[in-house]
């Protein structure tokens, strides 16, 4: 499984290359509003000095940020920060930077709505298309979620592996593009309220995920859809409850 935002949140891992560090720091600054929408970024000489990188590295970093929709170069004007509606929220880095800043209940709710638009249908397609090997793999992942030794971190990773396995088993390559959204939603749930602290809740998590696989195994498309919808809605309610209790989403 690829490394993604959930793993970086769990481990606190930092990017290593000069290019990645410039992209990460500038991206975080833009999302946080340090460089407001519509503002012009400092010039290349100033940024190169600030990040202690060559002009070549800086130019490549700016191209990356432009591809994510955060900035746009303007001849004889400079590089302008674009409006938020142009930011690519399907991009894993952009989502990670939002969580670094701190996100609202509305942001997490919107994420869950997108999950409800995609993942239940992924479960339907898995019921239609998954091989027996894929079904057996999903069942192993679901059962493993009930391990009493889980920490909040290991349970979050197990949850991610399961949901990405369902997306993969759908057989539709376009479904894979929602992987970053799934990760983002699980980051929010993990940082607010993990069921790993309660033995009964871990059992519930495993049971509800096993039910998804059971419906897929029966080739019951309606049942698979309903089971996946239930899992997503339960996670959303857990987040809402945590927020209502006044707990904050903050960077680790």
Protein backbone atom coordinates (compact mmCIF):
# COMPACT_ATOMS: atom_id res chain seq x y z
CA UNK A 1 0.00 0.00 0.00
CA UNK A 2 1.32 3.44 -0.86
CA UNK A 3 2.36 5.83 1.87
CA UNK A 4 -0.13 8.61 2.31
CA UNK A 5 -1.45 11.32 4.57
CA UNK A 6 -2.73 8.95 7.24
CA UNK A 7 0.68 7.41 7.72
CA UNK A 8 2.32 10.84 7.87
CA UNK A 9 -0.19 11.96 10.50
CA UNK A 10 0.32 8.78 12.53
CA UNK A 11 4.12 8.76 12.35
CA UNK A 12 4.87 12.46 12.03
CA UNK A 13 7.14 11.60 9.11
CA UNK A 14 8.64 14.55 7.29
CA UNK A 15 9.33 14.93 3.61
CA UNK A 16 13.00 14.54 2.68
CA UNK A 17 13.92 15.96 -0.72
CA UNK A 18 14.49 19.68 -1.16
CA UNK A 19 11.71 19.79 -3.76
CA UNK A 20 9.23 18.04 -1.44
CA UNK A 21 10.14 20.29 1.49
CA UNK A 22 9.57 23.47 -0.51
CA UNK A 23 6.24 22.15 -1.84
CA UNK A 24 5.18 21.10 1.66
CA UNK A 25 6.12 24.34 3.42
CA UNK A 26 4.68 26.63 0.75
CA UNK A 27 1.55 24.50 0.46
CA UNK A 28 0.94 24.64 4.20
CA UNK A 29 1.52 28.41 4.22
CA UNK A 30 -0.96 28.97 1.40
CA UNK A 31 -3.66 26.76 2.94
CA UNK A 32 -3.12 28.43 6.34
CA UNK A 33 -3.57 31.87 4.78
CA UNK A 34 -0.03 33.07 5.39
CA UNK A 35 -0.13 33.92 1.70
CA UNK A 36 -3.76 35.02 1.25
CA UNK A 37 -5.89 34.25 -1.79
CA UNK A 38 -5.08 36.77 -4.51
CA UNK A 39 -1.72 37.74 -3.06
CA UNK A 40 1.54 37.60 -5.00
CA UNK A 41 4.23 35.28 -3.67
CA UNK A 42 7.71 36.64 -3.00
CA UNK A 43 10.05 36.51 -6.00
CA UNK A 44 12.27 33.58 -6.87
CA UNK A 45 15.45 35.06 -5.35
CA UNK A 46 13.74 35.65 -2.00
CA UNK A 47 12.11 32.20 -1.91
CA UNK A 48 15.30 30.44 -3.02
CA UNK A 49 17.15 32.16 -0.17
CA UNK A 50 14.37 31.41 2.31
CA UNK A 51 14.36 27.68 1.55
CA UNK A 52 18.09 27.44 0.78
CA UNK A 53 17.48 25.74 -2.56
CA UNK A 54 18.53 26.38 -6.14
CA UNK A 55 16.35 28.26 -8.61
CA UNK A 56 15.85 24.97 -10.47
CA UNK A 57 14.45 23.22 -7.38
CA UNK A 58 12.25 26.22 -6.63
CA UNK A 59 10.84 26.35 -10.18
CA UNK A 60 9.96 22.65 -10.05
CA UNK A 61 8.24 23.15 -6.69
CA UNK A 62 6.21 26.02 -8.10
CA UNK A 63 5.15 23.83 -11.03
CA UNK A 64 3.95 21.21 -8.54
CA UNK A 65 1.92 23.75 -6.57
CA UNK A 66 0.45 25.11 -9.80
CA UNK A 67 -0.60 21.59 -10.81
CA UNK A 68 -2.43 21.30 -7.48
CA UNK A 69 -4.34 24.49 -8.31
CA UNK A 70 -2.88 26.62 -5.52
CA UNK A 71 -0.95 29.15 -7.58
CA UNK A 72 -0.82 30.56 -11.10
CA UNK A 73 2.12 32.41 -12.69
CA UNK A 74 1.39 35.74 -14.36
CA UNK A 75 3.85 37.33 -16.78
CA UNK A 76 5.30 40.62 -15.47
CA UNK A 77 3.14 40.29 -12.34
CA UNK A 78 4.40 37.29 -10.41
CA UNK A 79 2.93 34.13 -8.97
CA UNK A 80 -0.54 34.65 -7.56
CA UNK A 81 -2.36 32.50 -4.99
CA UNK A 82 -5.56 31.25 -6.61
CA UNK A 83 -9.05 31.26 -5.12
CA UNK A 84 -9.98 28.31 -2.92
CA UNK A 85 -12.46 26.93 -5.44
CA UNK A 86 -9.52 26.21 -7.74
CA UNK A 87 -7.62 24.13 -5.20
CA UNK A 88 -7.61 20.41 -6.00
CA UNK A 89 -9.25 18.85 -2.95
CA UNK A 90 -8.81 15.39 -4.46
CA UNK A 91 -5.06 15.85 -4.05
CA UNK A 92 -3.59 14.08 -1.02
CA UNK A 93 -1.13 16.87 -0.22
CA UNK A 94 -3.80 19.59 -0.35
CA UNK A 95 -5.98 17.59 2.02
CA UNK A 96 -3.06 16.95 4.37
CA UNK A 97 -2.30 20.67 4.49
CA UNK A 98 -5.91 21.39 5.45
CA UNK A 99 -5.58 19.01 8.39
CA UNK A 100 -2.29 20.61 9.39
CA UNK A 101 -4.09 23.95 9.62
CA UNK A 102 -7.10 22.46 11.42
CA UNK A 103 -10.45 21.70 9.83
CA UNK A 104 -14.05 22.36 10.74
CA UNK A 105 -16.98 20.03 11.29
CA UNK A 106 -18.36 21.30 8.00
CA UNK A 107 -15.17 20.23 6.19
CA UNK A 108 -15.36 16.72 7.67
CA UNK A 109 -19.08 16.52 6.91
CA UNK A 110 -18.40 17.42 3.28
CA UNK A 111 -15.76 14.69 3.17
CA UNK A 112 -18.25 12.13 4.47
CA UNK A 113 -20.78 13.23 1.84
CA UNK A 114 -18.24 12.56 -0.90
CA UNK A 115 -17.48 9.17 0.63
CA UNK A 116 -21.19 8.38 0.61
CA UNK A 117 -21.29 9.32 -3.07
CA UNK A 118 -18.46 6.93 -3.99
CA UNK A 119 -17.78 4.15 -1.49
CA UNK A 120 -21.21 2.51 -1.30
CA UNK A 121 -21.15 2.19 -5.09
CA UNK A 122 -17.62 0.79 -4.85
CA UNK A 123 -19.08 -1.87 -2.54
CA UNK A 124 -21.82 -2.54 -5.12
CA UNK A 125 -19.21 -3.01 -7.83
CA UNK A 126 -17.15 -5.24 -5.54
CA UNK A 127 -20.22 -7.44 -5.02
CA UNK A 128 -20.48 -7.64 -8.79
CA UNK A 129 -16.83 -7.95 -9.75
CA UNK A 130 -14.61 -9.05 -6.84
CA UNK A 131 -12.74 -12.32 -7.21
CA UNK A 132 -12.86 -14.94 -4.48
CA UNK A 133 -9.25 -14.11 -3.67
CA UNK A 134 -10.14 -10.43 -3.22
CA UNK A 135 -13.13 -11.32 -1.05
CA UNK A 136 -10.96 -13.54 1.15
CA UNK A 137 -8.45 -10.71 1.46
CA UNK A 138 -11.13 -8.21 2.47
CA UNK A 139 -12.45 -10.63 5.07
CA UNK A 140 -8.98 -11.05 6.58
CA UNK A 141 -8.64 -7.27 6.80
CA UNK A 142 -12.08 -6.89 8.38
CA UNK A 143 -11.44 -9.61 10.97
CA UNK A 144 -8.05 -8.10 11.79
CA UNK A 145 -9.79 -4.87 12.76
CA UNK A 146 -11.10 -6.68 15.84
CA UNK A 147 -7.62 -7.36 17.24
CA UNK A 148 -7.74 -6.32 20.94
CA UNK A 149 -4.07 -5.26 20.75
CA UNK A 150 -4.90 -2.41 18.36
CA UNK A 151 -3.72 1.06 19.21
CA UNK A 152 -5.54 4.05 17.75
CA UNK A 153 -2.80 4.27 15.13
CA UNK A 154 -2.79 0.62 14.07
CA UNK A 155 -6.60 0.52 13.94
CA UNK A 156 -6.64 3.60 11.71
CA UNK A 157 -4.19 1.94 9.31
CA UNK A 158 -6.21 -1.31 9.34
CA UNK A 159 -9.36 0.70 8.56
CA UNK A 160 -7.65 2.41 5.63
CA UNK A 161 -6.36 -0.88 4.21
CA UNK A 162 -9.86 -2.31 4.29
CA UNK A 163 -11.55 0.58 2.52
CA UNK A 164 -8.86 0.80 -0.14
CA UNK A 165 -9.23 -2.95 -0.70
CA UNK A 166 -12.96 -2.50 -1.38
CA UNK A 167 -12.21 0.31 -3.82
CA UNK A 168 -9.64 -1.91 -5.55
CA UNK A 169 -12.05 -4.87 -5.69
CA UNK A 170 -14.64 -2.69 -7.44
CA UNK A 171 -12.64 -3.20 -10.61
CA UNK A 172 -13.21 0.42 -11.66
CA UNK A 173 -9.89 2.30 -12.01
CA UNK A 174 -11.63 5.67 -11.52
CA UNK A 175 -12.66 4.59 -8.02
CA UNK A 176 -9.01 4.55 -7.00
CA UNK A 177 -8.91 8.34 -7.29
CA UNK A 178 -11.03 8.62 -4.13
CA UNK A 179 -8.29 7.03 -2.03
CA UNK A 180 -7.06 10.42 -0.78
CA UNK A 181 -10.60 11.37 0.27
CA UNK A 182 -10.95 8.15 2.23
CA UNK A 183 -7.61 8.80 3.93
CA UNK A 184 -8.61 12.36 4.78
CA UNK A 185 -11.86 11.24 6.37
CA UNK A 186 -10.05 8.60 8.41
CA UNK A 187 -7.46 11.17 9.51
CA UNK A 188 -10.30 13.30 10.86
CA UNK A 189 -11.92 10.38 12.65
CA UNK A 190 -8.61 9.16 14.07
CA UNK A 191 -7.59 12.59 15.38
CA UNK A 192 -10.93 13.15 17.07
CA UNK A 193 -12.18 9.85 18.34
CA UNK A 194 -10.68 6.40 17.96
CA UNK A 195 -12.70 3.32 18.94
CA UNK A 196 -9.42 1.63 19.95
CA UNK A 197 -9.86 2.94 23.50
CA UNK A 198 -12.99 0.81 23.98
CA UNK A 199 -12.99 -2.98 23.55
CA UNK A 200 -16.69 -3.03 22.65
CA UNK A 201 -16.22 -0.35 20.02
CA UNK A 202 -13.37 -2.31 18.41
CA UNK A 203 -15.68 -5.32 18.23
CA UNK A 204 -18.37 -3.15 16.64
CA UNK A 205 -15.94 -1.80 14.05
CA UNK A 206 -14.85 -5.30 13.08
CA UNK A 207 -18.42 -6.57 12.98
CA UNK A 208 -19.72 -3.79 10.73
CA UNK A 209 -16.81 -4.20 8.32
CA UNK A 210 -17.23 -7.97 8.26
CA UNK A 211 -20.87 -7.39 7.30
CA UNK A 212 -19.75 -5.45 4.23
CA UNK A 213 -17.64 -8.41 3.10
CA UNK A 214 -20.44 -10.87 3.83
CA UNK A 215 -22.78 -8.91 1.56
CA UNK A 216 -20.10 -8.71 -1.14
CA UNK A 217 -19.49 -12.46 -0.83
CA UNK A 218 -23.22 -13.11 -1.30
CA UNK A 219 -23.13 -10.86 -4.38
CA UNK A 220 -25.85 -8.84 -2.69
CA UNK A 221 -25.34 -5.40 -4.23
CA UNK A 222 -28.08 -3.64 -2.23
CA UNK A 223 -26.83 -5.23 0.99
CA UNK A 224 -23.23 -4.21 0.29
CA UNK A 225 -24.32 -0.64 -0.39
CA UNK A 226 -26.32 -0.43 2.85
CA UNK A 227 -23.52 -1.97 4.93
CA UNK A 228 -20.95 0.51 3.58
CA UNK A 229 -23.31 3.45 4.10
CA UNK A 230 -23.78 2.38 7.70
CA UNK A 231 -20.02 2.27 8.38
CA UNK A 232 -19.48 5.76 6.94
CA UNK A 233 -22.44 7.26 8.80
CA UNK A 234 -21.34 5.73 12.11
CA UNK A 235 -17.88 7.27 11.66
CA UNK A 236 -19.46 10.62 10.86
CA UNK A 237 -21.58 10.51 14.00
CA UNK A 238 -18.53 9.67 16.09
CA UNK A 239 -16.81 12.78 14.75
CA UNK A 240 -19.88 14.94 15.36
CA UNK A 241 -20.15 13.69 18.95
CA UNK A 242 -16.48 14.41 19.60
CA UNK A 243 -16.81 17.92 18.18
CA UNK A 244 -19.92 18.58 20.25
CA UNK A 245 -17.94 17.61 23.30
CA UNK A 246 -15.59 20.46 22.47
CA UNK A 247 -12.62 18.44 21.33
CA UNK A 248 -10.31 20.09 18.77
CA UNK A 249 -8.79 18.82 15.57
CA UNK A 250 -5.23 19.99 15.77
CA UNK A 251 -1.99 19.09 14.06
CA UNK A 252 -0.02 16.36 15.86
